[in-house]
């Protein structure tokens, strides 16, 4: 159900393997921290962080709509 998203620096990211995603803003810079299903953590900054967080939110909303049906 989760998407593959293209980032500007890290290439393609498969959101299917995300265990946890955290977003925050530090000193006017967006930060997204992904904990992968393997337990590894990866940080994304700026535009990449915003792209990933937006797609994650979009996928969660789509999943909620599917479950409501």
PDB file of N, CA and C in Angstrom:
ATOM      1  N   UNK A   1       0.818  -1.191   0.000  1.00  0.00           N
ATOM      2  CA  UNK A   1       0.000   0.000   0.000  1.00  0.00           C
ATOM      3  C   UNK A   1       0.861   1.254   0.000  1.00  0.00           C
ATOM      4  N   UNK A   2       2.023   1.192   0.631  1.00  0.00           N
ATOM      5  CA  UNK A   2       2.855   2.388   0.710  1.00  0.00           C
ATOM      6  C   UNK A   2       3.670   2.567  -0.561  1.00  0.00           C
ATOM      7  N   UNK A   3       3.985   3.790  -0.859  1.00  0.00           N
ATOM      8  CA  UNK A   3       4.565   4.190  -2.130  1.00  0.00           C
ATOM      9  C   UNK A   3       6.083   4.171  -2.142  1.00  0.00           C
ATOM     10  N   UNK A   4       6.567   4.293  -3.342  1.00  0.00           N
ATOM     11  CA  UNK A   4       7.976   4.569  -3.570  1.00  0.00           C
ATOM     12  C   UNK A   4       8.043   6.050  -3.913  1.00  0.00           C
ATOM     13  N   UNK A   5       8.969   6.769  -3.280  1.00  0.00           N
ATOM     14  CA  UNK A   5       9.048   8.214  -3.472  1.00  0.00           C
ATOM     15  C   UNK A   5      10.453   8.584  -3.952  1.00  0.00           C
ATOM     16  N   UNK A   6      10.527   9.534  -4.877  1.00  0.00           N
ATOM     17  CA  UNK A   6      11.805  10.007  -5.428  1.00  0.00           C
ATOM     18  C   UNK A   6      12.262  11.224  -4.649  1.00  0.00           C
ATOM     19  N   UNK A   7      13.465  11.150  -4.090  1.00  0.00           N
ATOM     20  CA  UNK A   7      14.045  12.287  -3.379  1.00  0.00           C
ATOM     21  C   UNK A   7      15.113  12.933  -4.249  1.00  0.00           C
ATOM     22  N   UNK A   8      15.494  14.136  -3.893  1.00  0.00           N
ATOM     23  CA  UNK A   8      16.481  14.856  -4.704  1.00  0.00           C
ATOM     24  C   UNK A   8      17.903  14.366  -4.467  1.00  0.00           C
ATOM     25  N   UNK A   9      18.190  13.876  -3.261  1.00  0.00           N
ATOM     26  CA  UNK A   9      19.563  13.472  -2.936  1.00  0.00           C
ATOM     27  C   UNK A   9      19.746  11.976  -2.720  1.00  0.00           C
ATOM     28  N   UNK A  10      18.738  11.322  -2.141  1.00  0.00           N
ATOM     29  CA  UNK A  10      18.885   9.915  -1.758  1.00  0.00           C
ATOM     30  C   UNK A  10      18.324   8.946  -2.793  1.00  0.00           C
ATOM     31  N   UNK A  11      17.790   9.471  -3.884  1.00  0.00           N
ATOM     32  CA  UNK A  11      17.210   8.590  -4.893  1.00  0.00           C
ATOM     33  C   UNK A  11      15.824   8.117  -4.488  1.00  0.00           C
ATOM     34  N   UNK A  12      15.511   6.883  -4.855  1.00  0.00           N
ATOM     35  CA  UNK A  12      14.194   6.325  -4.582  1.00  0.00           C
ATOM     36  C   UNK A  12      14.144   5.729  -3.184  1.00  0.00           C
ATOM     37  N   UNK A  13      13.037   5.989  -2.468  1.00  0.00           N
ATOM     38  CA  UNK A  13      12.819   5.481  -1.111  1.00  0.00           C
ATOM     39  C   UNK A  13      11.529   4.658  -1.132  1.00  0.00           C
ATOM     40  N   UNK A  14      11.605   3.405  -0.665  1.00  0.00           N
ATOM     41  CA  UNK A  14      10.428   2.541  -0.600  1.00  0.00           C
ATOM     42  C   UNK A  14       9.817   2.646   0.795  1.00  0.00           C
ATOM     43  N   UNK A  15       8.688   3.324   0.898  1.00  0.00           N
ATOM     44  CA  UNK A  15       8.054   3.562   2.191  1.00  0.00           C
ATOM     45  C   UNK A  15       7.436   2.303   2.794  1.00  0.00           C
ATOM     46  N   UNK A  16       7.364   1.237   2.023  1.00  0.00           N
ATOM     47  CA  UNK A  16       6.841  -0.031   2.541  1.00  0.00           C
ATOM     48  C   UNK A  16       7.702  -0.560   3.695  1.00  0.00           C
ATOM     49  N   UNK A  17       8.990  -0.263   3.683  1.00  0.00           N
ATOM     50  CA  UNK A  17       9.921  -0.794   4.683  1.00  0.00           C
ATOM     51  C   UNK A  17      10.125   0.127   5.886  1.00  0.00           C
ATOM     52  N   UNK A  18       9.326   1.183   5.989  1.00  0.00           N
ATOM     53  CA  UNK A  18       9.432   2.109   7.119  1.00  0.00           C
ATOM     54  C   UNK A  18       8.704   1.521   8.329  1.00  0.00           C
ATOM     55  N   UNK A  19       9.415   1.410   9.445  1.00  0.00           N
ATOM     56  CA  UNK A  19       8.783   0.990  10.699  1.00  0.00           C
ATOM     57  C   UNK A  19       8.215   2.199  11.428  1.00  0.00           C
ATOM     58  N   UNK A  20       8.983   3.307  11.409  1.00  0.00           N
ATOM     59  CA  UNK A  20       8.560   4.528  12.098  1.00  0.00           C
ATOM     60  C   UNK A  20       9.103   5.729  11.337  1.00  0.00           C
ATOM     61  N   UNK A  21       8.305   6.796  11.289  1.00  0.00           N
ATOM     62  CA  UNK A  21       8.720   8.026  10.626  1.00  0.00           C
ATOM     63  C   UNK A  21       8.428   9.186  11.560  1.00  0.00           C
ATOM     64  N   UNK A  22       9.445   9.992  11.813  1.00  0.00           N
ATOM     65  CA  UNK A  22       9.307  11.162  12.681  1.00  0.00           C
ATOM     66  C   UNK A  22       9.720  12.399  11.897  1.00  0.00           C
ATOM     67  N   UNK A  23       8.968  13.477  12.068  1.00  0.00           N
ATOM     68  CA  UNK A  23       9.317  14.734  11.408  1.00  0.00           C
ATOM     69  C   UNK A  23       9.412  15.840  12.446  1.00  0.00           C
ATOM     70  N   UNK A  24      10.293  16.775  12.176  1.00  0.00           N
ATOM     71  CA  UNK A  24      10.415  17.958  13.027  1.00  0.00           C
ATOM     72  C   UNK A  24      11.086  19.061  12.229  1.00  0.00           C
ATOM     73  N   UNK A  25      11.094  20.232  12.801  1.00  0.00           N
ATOM     74  CA  UNK A  25      11.740  21.375  12.162  1.00  0.00           C
ATOM     75  C   UNK A  25      12.814  21.888  13.102  1.00  0.00           C
ATOM     76  N   UNK A  26      14.042  21.965  12.607  1.00  0.00           N
ATOM     77  CA  UNK A  26      15.159  22.474  13.398  1.00  0.00           C
ATOM     78  C   UNK A  26      15.774  23.650  12.664  1.00  0.00           C
ATOM     79  N   UNK A  27      15.757  24.796  13.306  1.00  0.00           N
ATOM     80  CA  UNK A  27      16.367  26.005  12.740  1.00  0.00           C
ATOM     81  C   UNK A  27      15.941  26.228  11.290  1.00  0.00           C
ATOM     82  N   UNK A  28      14.628  26.222  11.058  1.00  0.00           N
ATOM     83  CA  UNK A  28      14.047  26.461   9.732  1.00  0.00           C
ATOM     84  C   UNK A  28      14.376  25.394   8.697  1.00  0.00           C
ATOM     85  N   UNK A  29      14.836  24.235   9.134  1.00  0.00           N
ATOM     86  CA  UNK A  29      15.115  23.131   8.226  1.00  0.00           C
ATOM     87  C   UNK A  29      14.253  21.937   8.618  1.00  0.00           C
ATOM     88  N   UNK A  30      13.538  21.381   7.650  1.00  0.00           N
ATOM     89  CA  UNK A  30      12.733  20.187   7.912  1.00  0.00           C
ATOM     90  C   UNK A  30      13.658  18.988   8.087  1.00  0.00           C
ATOM     91  N   UNK A  31      13.326  18.147   9.065  1.00  0.00           N
ATOM     92  CA  UNK A  31      14.090  16.926   9.326  1.00  0.00           C
ATOM     93  C   UNK A  31      13.101  15.767   9.415  1.00  0.00           C
ATOM     94  N   UNK A  32      13.386  14.699   8.693  1.00  0.00           N
ATOM     95  CA  UNK A  32      12.599  13.472   8.788  1.00  0.00           C
ATOM     96  C   UNK A  32      13.547  12.348   9.162  1.00  0.00           C
ATOM     97  N   UNK A  33      13.171  11.603  10.200  1.00  0.00           N
ATOM     98  CA  UNK A  33      13.964  10.458  10.646  1.00  0.00           C
ATOM     99  C   UNK A  33      13.151   9.203  10.361  1.00  0.00           C
ATOM    100  N   UNK A  34      13.724   8.308   9.566  1.00  0.00           N
ATOM    101  CA  UNK A  34      13.076   7.038   9.263  1.00  0.00           C
ATOM    102  C   UNK A  34      13.781   5.942  10.038  1.00  0.00           C
ATOM    103  N   UNK A  35      12.994   5.121  10.732  1.00  0.00           N
ATOM    104  CA  UNK A  35      13.495   3.875  11.290  1.00  0.00           C
ATOM    105  C   UNK A  35      12.984   2.784  10.356  1.00  0.00           C
ATOM    106  N   UNK A  36      13.917   2.083   9.732  1.00  0.00           N
ATOM    107  CA  UNK A  36      13.571   1.047   8.770  1.00  0.00           C
ATOM    108  C   UNK A  36      13.159  -0.227   9.488  1.00  0.00           C
ATOM    109  N   UNK A  37      12.549  -1.146   8.779  1.00  0.00           N
ATOM    110  CA  UNK A  37      12.111  -2.416   9.363  1.00  0.00           C
ATOM    111  C   UNK A  37      13.290  -3.203   9.927  1.00  0.00           C
ATOM    112  N   UNK A  38      14.493  -2.938   9.451  1.00  0.00           N
ATOM    113  CA  UNK A  38      15.707  -3.596   9.949  1.00  0.00           C
ATOM    114  C   UNK A  38      16.179  -3.011  11.278  1.00  0.00           C
ATOM    115  N   UNK A  39      15.613  -1.855  11.660  1.00  0.00           N
ATOM    116  CA  UNK A  39      16.033  -1.161  12.873  1.00  0.00           C
ATOM    117  C   UNK A  39      17.017  -0.034  12.604  1.00  0.00           C
ATOM    118  N   UNK A  40      17.567   0.020  11.400  1.00  0.00           N
ATOM    119  CA  UNK A  40      18.478   1.111  11.028  1.00  0.00           C
ATOM    120  C   UNK A  40      17.702   2.420  10.960  1.00  0.00           C
ATOM    121  N   UNK A  41      18.401   3.518  11.265  1.00  0.00           N
ATOM    122  CA  UNK A  41      17.786   4.846  11.190  1.00  0.00           C
ATOM    123  C   UNK A  41      18.487   5.660  10.114  1.00  0.00           C
ATOM    124  N   UNK A  42      17.716   6.510   9.443  1.00  0.00           N
ATOM    125  CA  UNK A  42      18.250   7.356   8.386  1.00  0.00           C
ATOM    126  C   UNK A  42      17.608   8.727   8.495  1.00  0.00           C
ATOM    127  N   UNK A  43      18.428   9.774   8.405  1.00  0.00           N
ATOM    128  CA  UNK A  43      17.945  11.148   8.495  1.00  0.00           C
ATOM    129  C   UNK A  43      17.897  11.780   7.112  1.00  0.00           C
ATOM    130  N   UNK A  44      16.851  12.579   6.892  1.00  0.00           N
ATOM    131  CA  UNK A  44      16.685  13.331   5.660  1.00  0.00           C
ATOM    132  C   UNK A  44      16.426  14.779   6.037  1.00  0.00           C
ATOM    133  N   UNK A  45      16.951  15.698   5.245  1.00  0.00           N
ATOM    134  CA  UNK A  45      16.863  17.122   5.553  1.00  0.00           C
ATOM    135  C   UNK A  45      16.251  17.891   4.392  1.00  0.00           C
ATOM    136  N   UNK A  46      15.705  19.063   4.713  1.00  0.00           N
ATOM    137  CA  UNK A  46      15.241  20.005   3.699  1.00  0.00           C
ATOM    138  C   UNK A  46      14.142  19.460   2.816  1.00  0.00           C
ATOM    139  N   UNK A  47      14.315  19.650   1.515  1.00  0.00           N
ATOM    140  CA  UNK A  47      13.295  19.253   0.542  1.00  0.00           C
ATOM    141  C   UNK A  47      13.030  17.752   0.585  1.00  0.00           C
ATOM    142  N   UNK A  48      14.084  16.941   0.740  1.00  0.00           N
ATOM    143  CA  UNK A  48      13.882  15.491   0.837  1.00  0.00           C
ATOM    144  C   UNK A  48      12.995  15.146   2.027  1.00  0.00           C
ATOM    145  N   UNK A  49      13.234  15.781   3.159  1.00  0.00           N
ATOM    146  CA  UNK A  49      12.422  15.536   4.358  1.00  0.00           C
ATOM    147  C   UNK A  49      10.964  15.893   4.103  1.00  0.00           C
ATOM    148  N   UNK A  50      10.725  17.009   3.444  1.00  0.00           N
ATOM    149  CA  UNK A  50       9.352  17.437   3.153  1.00  0.00           C
ATOM    150  C   UNK A  50       8.661  16.488   2.166  1.00  0.00           C
ATOM    151  N   UNK A  51       9.384  16.063   1.141  1.00  0.00           N
ATOM    152  CA  UNK A  51       8.823  15.154   0.136  1.00  0.00           C
ATOM    153  C   UNK A  51       8.410  13.833   0.783  1.00  0.00           C
ATOM    154  N   UNK A  52       9.295  13.274   1.598  1.00  0.00           N
ATOM    155  CA  UNK A  52       9.020  11.989   2.251  1.00  0.00           C
ATOM    156  C   UNK A  52       7.842  12.114   3.211  1.00  0.00           C
ATOM    157  N   UNK A  53       7.844  13.138   4.043  1.00  0.00           N
ATOM    158  CA  UNK A  53       6.769  13.321   5.024  1.00  0.00           C
ATOM    159  C   UNK A  53       5.420  13.526   4.335  1.00  0.00           C
ATOM    160  N   UNK A  54       5.400  14.284   3.253  1.00  0.00           N
ATOM    161  CA  UNK A  54       4.148  14.538   2.533  1.00  0.00           C
ATOM    162  C   UNK A  54       3.599  13.250   1.922  1.00  0.00           C
ATOM    163  N   UNK A  55       4.463  12.451   1.327  1.00  0.00           N
ATOM    164  CA  UNK A  55       4.015  11.193   0.715  1.00  0.00           C
ATOM    165  C   UNK A  55       3.563  10.207   1.777  1.00  0.00           C
ATOM    166  N   UNK A  56       4.262  10.157   2.906  1.00  0.00           N
ATOM    167  CA  UNK A  56       3.880   9.290   4.024  1.00  0.00           C
ATOM    168  C   UNK A  56       2.470   9.659   4.511  1.00  0.00           C
ATOM    169  N   UNK A  57       2.232  10.951   4.696  1.00  0.00           N
ATOM    170  CA  UNK A  57       0.924  11.430   5.149  1.00  0.00           C
ATOM    171  C   UNK A  57      -0.157  11.091   4.124  1.00  0.00           C
ATOM    172  N   UNK A  58       0.150  11.274   2.851  1.00  0.00           N
ATOM    173  CA  UNK A  58      -0.796  10.945   1.783  1.00  0.00           C
ATOM    174  C   UNK A  58      -1.147   9.454   1.810  1.00  0.00           C
ATOM    175  N   UNK A  59      -0.144   8.602   1.975  1.00  0.00           N
ATOM    176  CA  UNK A  59      -0.372   7.155   2.024  1.00  0.00           C
ATOM    177  C   UNK A  59      -1.191   6.762   3.251  1.00  0.00           C
ATOM    178  N   UNK A  60      -0.919   7.381   4.398  1.00  0.00           N
ATOM    179  CA  UNK A  60      -1.690   7.086   5.609  1.00  0.00           C
ATOM    180  C   UNK A  60      -3.156   7.481   5.442  1.00  0.00           C
ATOM    181  N   UNK A  61      -3.397   8.629   4.826  1.00  0.00           N
ATOM    182  CA  UNK A  61      -4.772   9.071   4.579  1.00  0.00           C
ATOM    183  C   UNK A  61      -5.495   8.121   3.630  1.00  0.00           C
ATOM    184  N   UNK A  62      -4.791   7.663   2.599  1.00  0.00           N
ATOM    185  CA  UNK A  62      -5.374   6.714   1.652  1.00  0.00           C
ATOM    186  C   UNK A  62      -5.694   5.391   2.348  1.00  0.00           C
ATOM    187  N   UNK A  63      -4.804   4.941   3.210  1.00  0.00           N
ATOM    188  CA  UNK A  63      -5.025   3.708   3.964  1.00  0.00           C
ATOM    189  C   UNK A  63      -6.242   3.842   4.880  1.00  0.00           C
ATOM    190  N   UNK A  64      -6.380   4.986   5.534  1.00  0.00           N
ATOM    191  CA  UNK A  64      -7.520   5.222   6.419  1.00  0.00           C
ATOM    192  C   UNK A  64      -8.831   5.199   5.633  1.00  0.00           C
ATOM    193  N   UNK A  65      -8.820   5.751   4.426  1.00  0.00           N
ATOM    194  CA  UNK A  65     -10.021   5.731   3.589  1.00  0.00           C
ATOM    195  C   UNK A  65     -10.380   4.308   3.185  1.00  0.00           C
ATOM    196  N   UNK A  66      -9.380   3.498   2.862  1.00  0.00           N
ATOM    197  CA  UNK A  66      -9.623   2.103   2.481  1.00  0.00           C
ATOM    198  C   UNK A  66     -10.197   1.309   3.647  1.00  0.00           C
ATOM    199  N   UNK A  67      -9.703   1.558   4.844  1.00  0.00           N
ATOM    200  CA  UNK A  67     -10.183   0.836   6.019  1.00  0.00           C
ATOM    201  C   UNK A  67     -11.594   1.266   6.400  1.00  0.00           C
ATOM    202  N   UNK A  68     -11.974   2.483   6.053  1.00  0.00           N
ATOM    203  CA  UNK A  68     -13.298   2.991   6.388  1.00  0.00           C
ATOM    204  C   UNK A  68     -14.386   2.388   5.494  1.00  0.00           C
ATOM    205  N   UNK A  69     -13.971   1.855   4.361  1.00  0.00           N
ATOM    206  CA  UNK A  69     -14.950   1.300   3.397  1.00  0.00           C
ATOM    207  C   UNK A  69     -15.393  -0.083   3.816  1.00  0.00           C
TER     208      UNK A  69
END
